[in-house]
PDB file of N, CA and C in Angstrom:
ATOM      1  N   MET A   1      88.986  54.129  49.508  1.00  0.00           N
ATOM      2  CA  MET A   1      89.286  55.210  48.469  1.00  0.00           C
ATOM      3  C   MET A   1      89.987  54.573  47.462  1.00  0.00           C
ATOM      4  N   LEU A   2      91.319  53.974  47.883  1.00  0.00           N
ATOM      5  CA  LEU A   2      92.111  53.334  46.807  1.00  0.00           C
ATOM      6  C   LEU A   2      91.530  52.229  46.104  1.00  0.00           C
ATOM      7  N   LYS A   3      90.815  51.539  46.840  1.00  0.00           N
ATOM      8  CA  LYS A   3      90.036  50.344  46.272  1.00  0.00           C
ATOM      9  C   LYS A   3      89.051  50.691  45.061  1.00  0.00           C
ATOM     10  N   ASP A   4      88.356  51.723  45.455  1.00  0.00           N
ATOM     11  CA  ASP A   4      87.425  52.345  44.609  1.00  0.00           C
ATOM     12  C   ASP A   4      88.036  52.896  43.382  1.00  0.00           C
ATOM     13  N   LYS A   5      89.182  53.424  43.545  1.00  0.00           N
ATOM     14  CA  LYS A   5      89.950  54.055  42.318  1.00  0.00           C
ATOM     15  C   LYS A   5      90.351  52.861  41.615  1.00  0.00           C
ATOM     16  N   PHE A   6      90.972  51.802  42.124  1.00  0.00           N
ATOM     17  CA  PHE A   6      91.411  50.816  41.371  1.00  0.00           C
ATOM     18  C   PHE A   6      90.366  50.097  40.549  1.00  0.00           C
ATOM     19  N   PHE A   7      89.116  49.815  41.260  1.00  0.00           N
ATOM     20  CA  PHE A   7      88.015  49.266  40.467  1.00  0.00           C
ATOM     21  C   PHE A   7      87.649  50.051  39.384  1.00  0.00           C
ATOM     22  N   ASP A   8      87.497  51.421  39.554  1.00  0.00           N
ATOM     23  CA  ASP A   8      87.144  52.227  38.605  1.00  0.00           C
ATOM     24  C   ASP A   8      88.136  52.107  37.371  1.00  0.00           C
ATOM     25  N   GLU A   9      89.268  52.098  37.479  1.00  0.00           N
ATOM     26  CA  GLU A   9      90.370  51.883  36.558  1.00  0.00           C
ATOM     27  C   GLU A   9      90.073  50.509  35.901  1.00  0.00           C
ATOM     28  N   ILE A  10      89.822  49.346  36.574  1.00  0.00           N
ATOM     29  CA  ILE A  10      89.709  48.207  35.934  1.00  0.00           C
ATOM     30  C   ILE A  10      88.396  48.208  35.093  1.00  0.00           C
ATOM     31  N   ALA A  11      87.424  48.785  35.601  1.00  0.00           N
ATOM     32  CA  ALA A  11      86.263  48.927  34.774  1.00  0.00           C
ATOM     33  C   ALA A  11      86.369  49.797  33.504  1.00  0.00           C
ATOM     34  N   GLY A  12      87.026  50.831  33.672  1.00  0.00           N
ATOM     35  CA  GLY A  12      87.368  51.549  32.493  1.00  0.00           C
ATOM     36  C   GLY A  12      88.080  50.872  31.489  1.00  0.00           C
ATOM     37  N   LYS A  13      89.027  49.977  31.980  1.00  0.00           N
ATOM     38  CA  LYS A  13      89.905  49.391  30.960  1.00  0.00           C
ATOM     39  C   LYS A  13      89.100  48.253  30.262  1.00  0.00           C
ATOM     40  N   ILE A  14      88.320  47.655  31.030  1.00  0.00           N
ATOM     41  CA  ILE A  14      87.492  46.563  30.516  1.00  0.00           C
ATOM     42  C   ILE A  14      86.481  47.080  29.416  1.00  0.00           C
ATOM     43  N   SER A  15      85.864  48.346  29.731  1.00  0.00           N
ATOM     44  CA  SER A  15      84.948  49.003  28.812  1.00  0.00           C
ATOM     45  C   SER A  15      85.680  49.383  27.630  1.00  0.00           C
ATOM     46  N   ASP A  16      86.976  49.772  27.734  1.00  0.00           N
ATOM     47  CA  ASP A  16      87.630  50.373  26.568  1.00  0.00           C
ATOM     48  C   ASP A  16      88.053  49.077  25.647  1.00  0.00           C
ATOM     49  N   ALA A  17      88.422  47.895  26.278  1.00  0.00           N
ATOM     50  CA  ALA A  17      88.620  46.790  25.510  1.00  0.00           C
ATOM     51  C   ALA A  17      87.478  46.151  24.852  1.00  0.00           C
ATOM     52  N   ILE A  18      86.371  46.170  25.484  1.00  0.00           N
ATOM     53  CA  ILE A  18      84.998  45.776  24.835  1.00  0.00           C
ATOM     54  C   ILE A  18      84.766  46.692  23.700  1.00  0.00           C
ATOM     55  N   ALA A  19      84.949  47.930  23.948  1.00  0.00           N
ATOM     56  CA  ALA A  19      84.519  48.808  22.791  1.00  0.00           C
ATOM     57  C   ALA A  19      85.511  48.819  21.479  1.00  0.00           C
ATOM     58  N   SER A  20      86.611  48.292  21.813  1.00  0.00           N
ATOM     59  CA  SER A  20      87.473  48.212  20.574  1.00  0.00           C
ATOM     60  C   SER A  20      87.603  46.774  20.122  1.00  0.00           C
ATOM     61  N   SER A  21      86.720  45.785  20.628  1.00  0.00           N
ATOM     62  CA  SER A  21      86.785  44.418  20.244  1.00  0.00           C
ATOM     63  C   SER A  21      85.835  44.054  19.080  1.00  0.00           C
ATOM     64  N   PRO A  22      86.084  42.871  18.571  1.00  0.00           N
ATOM     65  CA  PRO A  22      84.890  42.537  17.527  1.00  0.00           C
ATOM     66  C   PRO A  22      83.654  42.245  18.241  1.00  0.00           C
ATOM     67  N   ALA A  23      83.602  42.082  19.505  1.00  0.00           N
ATOM     68  CA  ALA A  23      82.273  41.955  20.131  1.00  0.00           C
ATOM     69  C   ALA A  23      81.399  43.383  19.851  1.00  0.00           C
ATOM     70  N   LYS A  24      81.924  44.217  19.832  1.00  0.00           N
ATOM     71  CA  LYS A  24      81.160  45.575  19.729  1.00  0.00           C
ATOM     72  C   LYS A  24      80.684  45.655  18.268  1.00  0.00           C
ATOM     73  N   ASP A  25      81.470  45.114  17.384  1.00  0.00           N
ATOM     74  CA  ASP A  25      81.010  45.070  15.904  1.00  0.00           C
ATOM     75  C   ASP A  25      80.084  44.144  15.888  1.00  0.00           C
ATOM     76  N   MET A  26      79.992  43.087  16.378  1.00  0.00           N
ATOM     77  CA  MET A  26      78.999  42.051  16.462  1.00  0.00           C
ATOM     78  C   MET A  26      77.693  42.648  16.892  1.00  0.00           C
ATOM     79  N   GLU A  27      77.718  43.260  18.071  1.00  0.00           N
ATOM     80  CA  GLU A  27      76.784  43.983  18.594  1.00  0.00           C
ATOM     81  C   GLU A  27      76.003  44.939  17.545  1.00  0.00           C
ATOM     82  N   LYS A  28      76.688  45.724  17.005  1.00  0.00           N
ATOM     83  CA  LYS A  28      76.224  46.606  15.903  1.00  0.00           C
ATOM     84  C   LYS A  28      75.360  45.835  14.867  1.00  0.00           C
ATOM     85  N   ASN A  29      76.297  44.832  14.389  1.00  0.00           N
ATOM     86  CA  ASN A  29      75.584  44.123  13.228  1.00  0.00           C
ATOM     87  C   ASN A  29      74.221  43.285  13.484  1.00  0.00           C
ATOM     88  N   VAL A  30      74.329  42.938  14.830  1.00  0.00           N
ATOM     89  CA  VAL A  30      72.944  42.113  15.323  1.00  0.00           C
ATOM     90  C   VAL A  30      71.865  42.995  15.360  1.00  0.00           C
ATOM     91  N   ARG A  31      72.100  44.305  16.130  1.00  0.00           N
ATOM     92  CA  ARG A  31      71.078  45.463  16.102  1.00  0.00           C
ATOM     93  C   ARG A  31      70.559  45.766  14.826  1.00  0.00           C
ATOM     94  N   ALA A  32      71.496  45.945  13.863  1.00  0.00           N
ATOM     95  CA  ALA A  32      71.023  46.277  12.438  1.00  0.00           C
ATOM     96  C   ALA A  32      70.219  45.111  11.732  1.00  0.00           C
ATOM     97  N   MET A  33      70.616  43.773  12.057  1.00  0.00           N
ATOM     98  CA  MET A  33      69.874  42.908  11.404  1.00  0.00           C
ATOM     99  C   MET A  33      68.478  42.710  12.089  1.00  0.00           C
ATOM    100  N   MET A  34      68.439  42.874  13.449  1.00  0.00           N
ATOM    101  CA  MET A  34      67.227  42.864  14.256  1.00  0.00           C
ATOM    102  C   MET A  34      66.253  44.185  13.755  1.00  0.00           C
ATOM    103  N   GLY A  35      66.857  45.378  13.616  1.00  0.00           N
ATOM    104  CA  GLY A  35      66.128  46.454  13.068  1.00  0.00           C
ATOM    105  C   GLY A  35      65.480  46.355  11.765  1.00  0.00           C
ATOM    106  N   SER A  36      66.348  45.561  10.978  1.00  0.00           N
ATOM    107  CA  SER A  36      65.709  45.221   9.545  1.00  0.00           C
ATOM    108  C   SER A  36      64.649  44.246   9.629  1.00  0.00           C
ATOM    109  N   ALA A  37      64.725  43.158  10.524  1.00  0.00           N
ATOM    110  CA  ALA A  37      63.833  42.118  10.570  1.00  0.00           C
ATOM    111  C   ALA A  37      62.497  42.793  11.242  1.00  0.00           C
ATOM    112  N   PHE A  38      62.630  43.697  12.069  1.00  0.00           N
ATOM    113  CA  PHE A  38      61.336  44.181  12.718  1.00  0.00           C
ATOM    114  C   PHE A  38      60.640  45.191  11.843  1.00  0.00           C
ATOM    115  N   THR A  39      61.601  45.805  10.957  1.00  0.00           N
ATOM    116  CA  THR A  39      60.814  46.762   9.916  1.00  0.00           C
ATOM    117  C   THR A  39      59.988  46.026   9.054  1.00  0.00           C
ATOM    118  N   LYS A  40      60.518  44.570   8.635  1.00  0.00           N
ATOM    119  CA  LYS A  40      59.772  43.830   7.657  1.00  0.00           C
ATOM    120  C   LYS A  40      58.516  43.229   8.177  1.00  0.00           C
ATOM    121  N   LEU A  41      58.491  43.229   9.540  1.00  0.00           N
ATOM    122  CA  LEU A  41      57.232  42.599  10.475  1.00  0.00           C
ATOM    123  C   LEU A  41      56.144  43.613  10.296  1.00  0.00           C
ATOM    124  N   ASP A  42      56.358  44.853   9.927  1.00  0.00           N
ATOM    125  CA  ASP A  42      55.184  45.910   9.973  1.00  0.00           C
ATOM    126  C   ASP A  42      54.496  45.998  11.328  1.00  0.00           C
ATOM    127  N   LEU A  43      55.281  46.108  12.285  1.00  0.00           N
ATOM    128  CA  LEU A  43      54.797  46.165  13.779  1.00  0.00           C
ATOM    129  C   LEU A  43      54.339  47.697  13.992  1.00  0.00           C
ATOM    130  N   VAL A  44      53.445  47.933  14.898  1.00  0.00           N
ATOM    131  CA  VAL A  44      52.908  49.145  15.284  1.00  0.00           C
ATOM    132  C   VAL A  44      53.495  49.548  16.587  1.00  0.00           C
ATOM    133  N   THR A  45      53.621  50.771  16.794  1.00  0.00           N
ATOM    134  CA  THR A  45      54.195  51.283  17.966  1.00  0.00           C
ATOM    135  C   THR A  45      52.992  51.290  19.150  1.00  0.00           C
ATOM    136  N   ARG A  46      53.453  51.153  20.347  1.00  0.00           N
ATOM    137  CA  ARG A  46      52.568  51.156  21.496  1.00  0.00           C
ATOM    138  C   ARG A  46      51.654  52.261  21.419  1.00  0.00           C
ATOM    139  N   GLU A  47      51.880  53.494  20.991  1.00  0.00           N
ATOM    140  CA  GLU A  47      50.980  54.713  20.967  1.00  0.00           C
ATOM    141  C   GLU A  47      49.816  54.228  19.756  1.00  0.00           C
ATOM    142  N   GLU A  48      50.373  53.951  18.555  1.00  0.00           N
ATOM    143  CA  GLU A  48      49.221  53.387  17.737  1.00  0.00           C
ATOM    144  C   GLU A  48      48.249  52.399  18.178  1.00  0.00           C
ATOM    145  N   PHE A  49      48.958  51.438  18.869  1.00  0.00           N
ATOM    146  CA  PHE A  49      47.962  50.288  19.403  1.00  0.00           C
ATOM    147  C   PHE A  49      47.017  50.880  20.353  1.00  0.00           C
ATOM    148  N   GLU A  50      47.353  51.535  21.212  1.00  0.00           N
ATOM    149  CA  GLU A  50      46.486  52.289  22.316  1.00  0.00           C
ATOM    150  C   GLU A  50      45.354  53.287  21.726  1.00  0.00           C
ATOM    151  N   ILE A  51      45.877  54.018  20.604  1.00  0.00           N
ATOM    152  CA  ILE A  51      44.933  54.706  19.973  1.00  0.00           C
ATOM    153  C   ILE A  51      43.702  53.817  19.051  1.00  0.00           C
ATOM    154  N   GLN A  52      44.225  52.636  18.682  1.00  0.00           N
ATOM    155  CA  GLN A  52      43.391  51.819  18.099  1.00  0.00           C
ATOM    156  C   GLN A  52      42.564  50.979  19.246  1.00  0.00           C
ATOM    157  N   GLN A  53      42.816  50.728  20.256  1.00  0.00           N
ATOM    158  CA  GLN A  53      42.234  50.318  21.537  1.00  0.00           C
ATOM    159  C   GLN A  53      41.054  51.219  21.913  1.00  0.00           C
ATOM    160  N   GLU A  54      41.413  52.555  21.927  1.00  0.00           N
ATOM    161  CA  GLU A  54      40.333  53.572  22.121  1.00  0.00           C
ATOM    162  C   GLU A  54      39.407  53.552  21.220  1.00  0.00           C
ATOM    163  N   VAL A  55      39.667  53.705  20.038  1.00  0.00           N
ATOM    164  CA  VAL A  55      38.802  53.626  18.942  1.00  0.00           C
ATOM    165  C   VAL A  55      37.882  52.377  18.908  1.00  0.00           C
ATOM    166  N   LEU A  56      38.279  51.227  19.037  1.00  0.00           N
ATOM    167  CA  LEU A  56      37.613  49.958  19.274  1.00  0.00           C
ATOM    168  C   LEU A  56      36.616  50.191  20.532  1.00  0.00           C
ATOM    169  N   ALA A  57      37.015  50.650  21.664  1.00  0.00           N
ATOM    170  CA  ALA A  57      36.117  50.681  22.827  1.00  0.00           C
ATOM    171  C   ALA A  57      34.911  51.617  22.314  1.00  0.00           C
ATOM    172  N   ARG A  58      35.269  52.817  21.688  1.00  0.00           N
ATOM    173  CA  ARG A  58      33.957  53.704  21.313  1.00  0.00           C
ATOM    174  C   ARG A  58      33.178  53.167  20.472  1.00  0.00           C
ATOM    175  N   THR A  59      33.842  52.399  19.318  1.00  0.00           N
ATOM    176  CA  THR A  59      32.840  51.639  18.424  1.00  0.00           C
ATOM    177  C   THR A  59      31.985  50.530  18.945  1.00  0.00           C
ATOM    178  N   ARG A  60      32.502  50.014  20.056  1.00  0.00           N
ATOM    179  CA  ARG A  60      31.671  48.919  20.797  1.00  0.00           C
ATOM    180  C   ARG A  60      30.684  49.549  21.527  1.00  0.00           C
ATOM    181  N   GLU A  61      30.973  50.723  22.169  1.00  0.00           N
ATOM    182  CA  GLU A  61      30.075  51.441  22.701  1.00  0.00           C
ATOM    183  C   GLU A  61      28.866  51.925  21.892  1.00  0.00           C
ATOM    184  N   THR A  62      29.292  52.457  20.918  1.00  0.00           N
ATOM    185  CA  THR A  62      28.323  52.994  19.932  1.00  0.00           C
ATOM    186  C   THR A  62      27.281  51.797  19.299  1.00  0.00           C
ATOM    187  N   LEU A  63      28.095  50.538  18.993  1.00  0.00           N
ATOM    188  CA  LEU A  63      27.283  49.402  18.654  1.00  0.00           C
ATOM    189  C   LEU A  63      26.257  48.897  19.669  1.00  0.00           C
ATOM    190  N   THR A  64      26.684  48.873  20.846  1.00  0.00           N
ATOM    191  CA  THR A  64      25.734  48.699  22.028  1.00  0.00           C
ATOM    192  C   THR A  64      24.579  49.484  22.015  1.00  0.00           C
ATOM    193  N   GLN A  65      24.863  50.794  21.938  1.00  0.00           N
ATOM    194  CA  GLN A  65      23.781  51.774  21.929  1.00  0.00           C
ATOM    195  C   GLN A  65      22.798  51.599  20.736  1.00  0.00           C
ATOM    196  N   LEU A  66      23.337  51.334  19.578  1.00  0.00           N
ATOM    197  CA  LEU A  66      22.431  51.060  18.361  1.00  0.00           C
ATOM    198  C   LEU A  66      21.730  49.880  18.524  1.00  0.00           C
ATOM    199  N   GLU A  67      22.231  48.765  19.031  1.00  0.00           N
ATOM    200  CA  GLU A  67      21.638  47.557  19.213  1.00  0.00           C
ATOM    201  C   GLU A  67      20.346  47.859  20.098  1.00  0.00           C
ATOM    202  N   ALA A  68      20.484  48.484  21.121  1.00  0.00           N
ATOM    203  CA  ALA A  68      19.508  48.732  22.140  1.00  0.00           C
ATOM    204  C   ALA A  68      18.355  49.545  21.343  1.00  0.00           C
ATOM    205  N   ARG A  69      18.862  50.540  20.519  1.00  0.00           N
ATOM    206  CA  ARG A  69      17.912  51.393  20.082  1.00  0.00           C
ATOM    207  C   ARG A  69      17.088  50.585  18.872  1.00  0.00           C
ATOM    208  N   VAL A  70      17.586  49.637  18.073  1.00  0.00           N
ATOM    209  CA  VAL A  70      16.912  48.718  17.291  1.00  0.00           C
ATOM    210  C   VAL A  70      16.032  47.835  17.889  1.00  0.00           C
ATOM    211  N   ALA A  71      16.417  47.305  19.008  1.00  0.00           N
ATOM    212  CA  ALA A  71      15.446  46.487  19.746  1.00  0.00           C
ATOM    213  C   ALA A  71      14.354  47.241  20.260  1.00  0.00           C
ATOM    214  N   ASP A  72      14.504  48.510  20.816  1.00  0.00           N
ATOM    215  CA  ASP A  72      13.521  49.471  21.254  1.00  0.00           C
ATOM    216  C   ASP A  72      12.531  49.759  20.096  1.00  0.00           C
ATOM    217  N   LEU A  73      13.047  50.050  18.763  1.00  0.00           N
ATOM    218  CA  LEU A  73      12.256  50.382  17.568  1.00  0.00           C
ATOM    219  C   LEU A  73      11.522  49.261  17.146  1.00  0.00           C
ATOM    220  N   GLU A  74      11.996  47.963  17.283  1.00  0.00           N
ATOM    221  CA  GLU A  74      11.456  46.829  16.922  1.00  0.00           C
ATOM    222  C   GLU A  74      10.381  46.455  17.750  1.00  0.00           C
ATOM    223  N   SER A  75      10.485  46.583  19.251  1.00  0.00           N
ATOM    224  CA  SER A  75       9.486  46.372  20.102  1.00  0.00           C
ATOM    225  C   SER A  75       8.199  47.437  19.968  1.00  0.00           C
ATOM    226  N   ARG A  76       8.494  48.645  19.496  1.00  0.00           N
ATOM    227  CA  ARG A  76       7.421  49.492  19.412  1.00  0.00           C
ATOM    228  C   ARG A  76       6.773  49.190  17.938  1.00  0.00           C
ATOM    229  N   LEU A  77       7.422  48.773  16.934  1.00  0.00           N
ATOM    230  CA  LEU A  77       6.859  48.307  15.722  1.00  0.00           C
ATOM    231  C   LEU A  77       5.818  47.135  15.983  1.00  0.00           C
ATOM    232  N   GLN A  78       6.251  46.319  16.868  1.00  0.00           N
ATOM    233  CA  GLN A  78       5.346  45.072  17.077  1.00  0.00           C
ATOM    234  C   GLN A  78       4.025  45.507  17.993  1.00  0.00           C
ATOM    235  N   LEU A  79       4.340  46.491  18.830  1.00  0.00           N
ATOM    236  CA  LEU A  79       3.103  46.814  19.585  1.00  0.00           C
ATOM    237  C   LEU A  79       2.098  47.631  18.795  1.00  0.00           C
ATOM    238  N   ASN A  80       2.643  48.516  17.537  1.00  0.00           N
ATOM    239  CA  ASN A  80       1.745  49.142  16.840  1.00  0.00           C
ATOM    240  C   ASN A  80       1.144  48.245  15.632  1.00  0.00           C
ATOM    241  N   ASN A  81       1.775  47.155  15.419  1.00  0.00           N
ATOM    242  CA  ASN A  81       1.286  46.266  14.315  1.00  0.00           C
ATOM    243  C   ASN A  81       1.218  44.791  14.856  1.00  0.00           C
ATOM    244  N   PRO A  82       0.547  44.326  15.897  1.00  0.00           N
ATOM    245  CA  PRO A  82       0.503  43.100  16.330  1.00  0.00           C
ATOM    246  C   PRO A  82       0.248  41.917  15.415  1.00  0.00           C
ATOM    247  N   GLN A  83      -0.548  42.354  14.468  1.00  0.00           N
ATOM    248  CA  GLN A  83      -0.980  41.164  13.453  1.00  0.00           C
ATOM    249  C   GLN A  83       0.260  40.873  12.491  1.00  0.00           C
ATOM    250  N   ASP A  84       1.130  41.676  12.327  1.00  0.00           N
ATOM    251  CA  ASP A  84       2.184  41.318  11.603  1.00  0.00           C
ATOM    252  C   ASP A  84       3.069  40.161  11.883  1.00  0.00           C
ATOM    253  N   GLY A  85       3.236  39.715  13.211  1.00  0.00           N
ATOM    254  CA  GLY A  85       3.848  38.728  13.782  1.00  0.00           C
ATOM    255  C   GLY A  85       5.468  39.146  13.604  1.00  0.00           C
ATOM    256  N   ILE A  86       5.904  40.264  13.262  1.00  0.00           N
ATOM    257  CA  ILE A  86       7.291  40.488  13.241  1.00  0.00           C
ATOM    258  C   ILE A  86       7.994  40.392  14.408  1.00  0.00           C
TER     259      ILE A  86
END
């Protein structure tokens, strides 16, 4: 029990020392610089990315269906007009 209290006090003092040290200011500055750099990169969120993935999947499915429909219509056209050679 005494050991735990001792280690808790040490950890608290270390945390206080770090919080008031220049390292904490450096961390804030680095975070601000990184935030600024990420903003300039025009990144998208995970949610936006997943929405676009779903849209793309639906678009691909529609394209596949339309390709099959066009192929079917072309084959029907050839059956109805065999002399055209289309």
